[in-house]
N, C-alpha and C. Protein backbone atom coordinates (compact mmCIF):
# COMPACT_ATOMS: atom_id res chain seq x y z
N UNK A 1 86.61 132.77 130.50
CA UNK A 1 88.01 132.47 130.64
C UNK A 1 88.88 133.54 129.99
N UNK A 2 88.41 134.02 128.85
CA UNK A 2 89.14 135.06 128.14
C UNK A 2 89.25 136.33 128.99
N UNK A 3 88.18 136.63 129.71
CA UNK A 3 88.17 137.83 130.55
C UNK A 3 89.21 137.73 131.66
N UNK A 4 89.39 136.53 132.20
CA UNK A 4 90.39 136.32 133.24
C UNK A 4 91.79 136.60 132.71
N UNK A 5 92.10 136.09 131.53
CA UNK A 5 93.41 136.33 130.93
C UNK A 5 93.62 137.81 130.67
N UNK A 6 92.59 138.46 130.13
CA UNK A 6 92.70 139.90 129.84
C UNK A 6 92.93 140.70 131.12
N UNK A 7 92.20 140.39 132.16
CA UNK A 7 92.33 141.13 133.41
C UNK A 7 93.73 140.99 134.00
N UNK A 8 94.23 139.77 134.05
CA UNK A 8 95.54 139.54 134.64
C UNK A 8 96.65 140.17 133.81
N UNK A 9 96.62 139.95 132.49
CA UNK A 9 97.70 140.48 131.66
C UNK A 9 97.67 142.00 131.57
N UNK A 10 96.50 142.59 131.55
CA UNK A 10 96.43 144.06 131.53
C UNK A 10 97.03 144.65 132.80
N UNK A 11 96.93 143.94 133.90
CA UNK A 11 97.49 144.42 135.16
C UNK A 11 99.01 144.30 135.19
N UNK A 12 99.56 143.39 134.43
CA UNK A 12 101.00 143.12 134.47
C UNK A 12 101.83 143.99 133.53
N UNK A 13 101.31 144.32 132.37
CA UNK A 13 102.11 144.92 131.31
C UNK A 13 102.08 146.44 131.31
N UNK A 14 103.07 147.02 130.58
CA UNK A 14 103.12 148.48 130.43
C UNK A 14 102.29 148.96 129.25
N UNK A 15 102.08 148.09 128.27
CA UNK A 15 101.33 148.44 127.06
C UNK A 15 100.09 147.57 126.94
N UNK A 16 99.06 147.82 127.73
CA UNK A 16 97.88 146.95 127.68
C UNK A 16 97.09 147.03 126.37
N UNK A 17 97.31 148.09 125.59
CA UNK A 17 96.59 148.22 124.33
C UNK A 17 97.10 147.23 123.28
N UNK A 18 98.31 146.71 123.47
CA UNK A 18 98.90 145.80 122.49
C UNK A 18 98.58 144.34 122.76
N UNK A 19 97.77 144.05 123.75
CA UNK A 19 97.43 142.67 124.07
C UNK A 19 96.31 142.20 123.16
N UNK A 20 96.54 141.05 122.53
CA UNK A 20 95.53 140.44 121.67
C UNK A 20 95.41 138.97 122.07
N UNK A 21 94.21 138.52 122.30
CA UNK A 21 93.96 137.14 122.69
C UNK A 21 93.07 136.49 121.64
N UNK A 22 93.56 135.39 121.07
CA UNK A 22 92.80 134.63 120.09
C UNK A 22 92.33 133.34 120.75
N UNK A 23 91.06 133.04 120.61
CA UNK A 23 90.48 131.84 121.24
C UNK A 23 90.12 130.83 120.16
N UNK A 24 90.67 129.62 120.30
CA UNK A 24 90.36 128.52 119.38
C UNK A 24 89.62 127.48 120.20
N UNK A 25 88.35 127.30 119.88
CA UNK A 25 87.48 126.44 120.69
C UNK A 25 87.32 125.08 120.03
N UNK A 26 87.60 124.03 120.79
CA UNK A 26 87.40 122.66 120.32
C UNK A 26 86.32 121.99 121.15
N UNK A 27 86.15 120.70 120.96
CA UNK A 27 85.12 119.97 121.70
C UNK A 27 85.40 119.93 123.19
N UNK A 28 86.62 119.55 123.54
CA UNK A 28 86.94 119.44 124.97
C UNK A 28 88.16 120.26 125.35
N UNK A 29 88.71 121.03 124.42
CA UNK A 29 89.89 121.84 124.68
C UNK A 29 89.70 123.24 124.11
N UNK A 30 90.15 124.24 124.86
CA UNK A 30 90.14 125.61 124.40
C UNK A 30 91.59 126.09 124.40
N UNK A 31 92.03 126.62 123.27
CA UNK A 31 93.40 127.13 123.16
C UNK A 31 93.33 128.65 123.08
N UNK A 32 94.11 129.30 123.93
CA UNK A 32 94.21 130.76 123.93
C UNK A 32 95.60 131.13 123.46
N UNK A 33 95.67 132.00 122.45
CA UNK A 33 96.94 132.52 121.97
C UNK A 33 97.05 133.96 122.42
N UNK A 34 98.09 134.25 123.18
CA UNK A 34 98.30 135.58 123.74
C UNK A 34 99.42 136.27 122.99
N UNK A 35 99.12 137.44 122.45
CA UNK A 35 100.12 138.26 121.79
C UNK A 35 100.24 139.56 122.56
N UNK A 36 101.48 139.97 122.83
CA UNK A 36 101.70 141.23 123.53
C UNK A 36 102.96 141.89 122.98
N UNK A 37 103.22 143.10 123.44
CA UNK A 37 104.38 143.87 123.01
C UNK A 37 105.65 143.11 123.41
N UNK A 38 106.71 143.24 122.59
CA UNK A 38 107.96 142.52 122.86
C UNK A 38 108.51 142.82 124.24
N UNK A 39 108.40 144.06 124.68
CA UNK A 39 108.94 144.45 125.98
C UNK A 39 108.15 143.84 127.14
N UNK A 40 106.90 143.48 126.91
CA UNK A 40 106.04 142.97 127.97
C UNK A 40 106.03 141.45 128.07
N UNK A 41 106.62 140.77 127.11
CA UNK A 41 106.60 139.31 127.12
C UNK A 41 107.26 138.76 128.37
N UNK A 42 108.37 139.33 128.77
CA UNK A 42 109.07 138.87 129.98
C UNK A 42 108.26 139.07 131.24
N UNK A 43 107.47 140.13 131.28
CA UNK A 43 106.63 140.39 132.45
C UNK A 43 105.51 139.37 132.56
N UNK A 44 104.98 138.95 131.43
CA UNK A 44 103.92 137.95 131.44
C UNK A 44 104.48 136.58 131.81
N UNK A 45 105.67 136.27 131.33
CA UNK A 45 106.27 134.98 131.64
C UNK A 45 106.75 134.93 133.08
N UNK A 46 107.41 135.99 133.55
CA UNK A 46 107.89 136.04 134.93
C UNK A 46 109.20 135.29 135.10
N UNK A 47 109.75 135.39 136.30
CA UNK A 47 111.01 134.71 136.58
C UNK A 47 110.80 133.20 136.57
N UNK A 48 111.61 132.53 135.78
CA UNK A 48 111.55 131.07 135.64
C UNK A 48 110.16 130.58 135.22
N UNK A 49 109.37 131.45 134.61
CA UNK A 49 108.04 131.05 134.12
C UNK A 49 106.99 130.92 135.20
N UNK A 50 107.25 131.49 136.36
CA UNK A 50 106.31 131.33 137.48
C UNK A 50 105.00 132.07 137.25
N UNK A 51 105.06 133.24 136.64
CA UNK A 51 103.84 134.03 136.43
C UNK A 51 102.92 133.35 135.42
N UNK A 52 103.48 132.93 134.29
CA UNK A 52 102.65 132.28 133.27
C UNK A 52 102.13 130.94 133.79
N UNK A 53 102.91 130.27 134.61
CA UNK A 53 102.47 129.01 135.19
C UNK A 53 101.27 129.23 136.12
N UNK A 54 101.31 130.29 136.90
CA UNK A 54 100.20 130.60 137.79
C UNK A 54 98.94 130.97 137.00
N UNK A 55 99.10 131.72 135.91
CA UNK A 55 97.96 132.07 135.07
C UNK A 55 97.36 130.82 134.46
N UNK A 56 98.22 129.91 134.00
CA UNK A 56 97.73 128.66 133.42
C UNK A 56 96.99 127.80 134.44
N UNK A 57 97.48 127.79 135.68
CA UNK A 57 96.81 127.04 136.73
C UNK A 57 95.41 127.58 136.99
N UNK A 58 95.29 128.90 137.10
CA UNK A 58 93.98 129.51 137.29
C UNK A 58 93.05 129.22 136.11
N UNK A 59 93.60 129.30 134.92
CA UNK A 59 92.81 129.06 133.71
C UNK A 59 92.32 127.61 133.65
N UNK A 60 93.19 126.67 133.99
CA UNK A 60 92.79 125.25 133.98
C UNK A 60 91.75 124.95 135.05
N UNK A 61 91.84 125.62 136.18
CA UNK A 61 90.84 125.43 137.24
C UNK A 61 89.48 125.91 136.77
N UNK A 62 89.45 127.06 136.13
CA UNK A 62 88.19 127.60 135.62
C UNK A 62 87.64 126.72 134.49
N UNK A 63 88.52 126.23 133.64
CA UNK A 63 88.08 125.37 132.53
C UNK A 63 87.54 124.04 133.04
N UNK A 64 88.14 123.50 134.10
CA UNK A 64 87.69 122.23 134.65
C UNK A 64 86.27 122.34 135.19
N UNK A 65 85.91 123.50 135.71
CA UNK A 65 84.54 123.71 136.18
C UNK A 65 83.54 123.59 135.02
N UNK A 66 83.99 123.94 133.82
CA UNK A 66 83.14 123.87 132.64
C UNK A 66 83.29 122.55 131.89
N UNK A 67 84.09 121.64 132.44
CA UNK A 67 84.29 120.34 131.81
C UNK A 67 85.19 120.38 130.59
N UNK A 68 86.08 121.34 130.54
CA UNK A 68 86.99 121.48 129.41
C UNK A 68 88.43 121.55 129.90
N UNK A 69 89.36 121.61 128.96
CA UNK A 69 90.76 121.78 129.25
C UNK A 69 91.21 123.04 128.52
N UNK A 70 92.05 123.85 129.15
CA UNK A 70 92.51 125.10 128.55
C UNK A 70 94.01 125.08 128.37
N UNK A 71 94.44 125.65 127.26
CA UNK A 71 95.86 125.78 126.96
C UNK A 71 96.12 127.25 126.64
N UNK A 72 97.14 127.80 127.29
CA UNK A 72 97.52 129.20 127.05
C UNK A 72 98.92 129.22 126.45
N UNK A 73 99.03 129.83 125.26
CA UNK A 73 100.30 129.93 124.58
C UNK A 73 100.63 131.39 124.34
N UNK A 74 101.90 131.74 124.50
CA UNK A 74 102.36 133.09 124.17
C UNK A 74 102.97 133.03 122.78
N UNK A 75 102.42 133.82 121.87
CA UNK A 75 102.84 133.82 120.47
C UNK A 75 103.60 135.11 120.19
N UNK A 76 104.72 134.98 119.49
CA UNK A 76 105.50 136.18 119.13
C UNK A 76 104.89 136.93 117.99
C-alpha cells in the first residue's frame, strides 16, 4: 500500500525527494501520514480535494483486499 502512495505522489509533485510517508500499523487499521513540500501540498490535494479523495479510494480498495482499513492523512 505504501508503494502505491509513493508512486502516485511522486508523479504529482515537483519535489519528489521531499515526500515522506509514515506507516502506523494497527490490528485492523493502517494509518499513513504523508508529508511533502509546502508548494506540493495543493497538488496532492487537488481541486476541491478530488485528487486526495481518489488516492484514498484506491488505498481503501487495496486495503479491503487484505482485510484492513486504510487512512491517509496529509501532515504539515
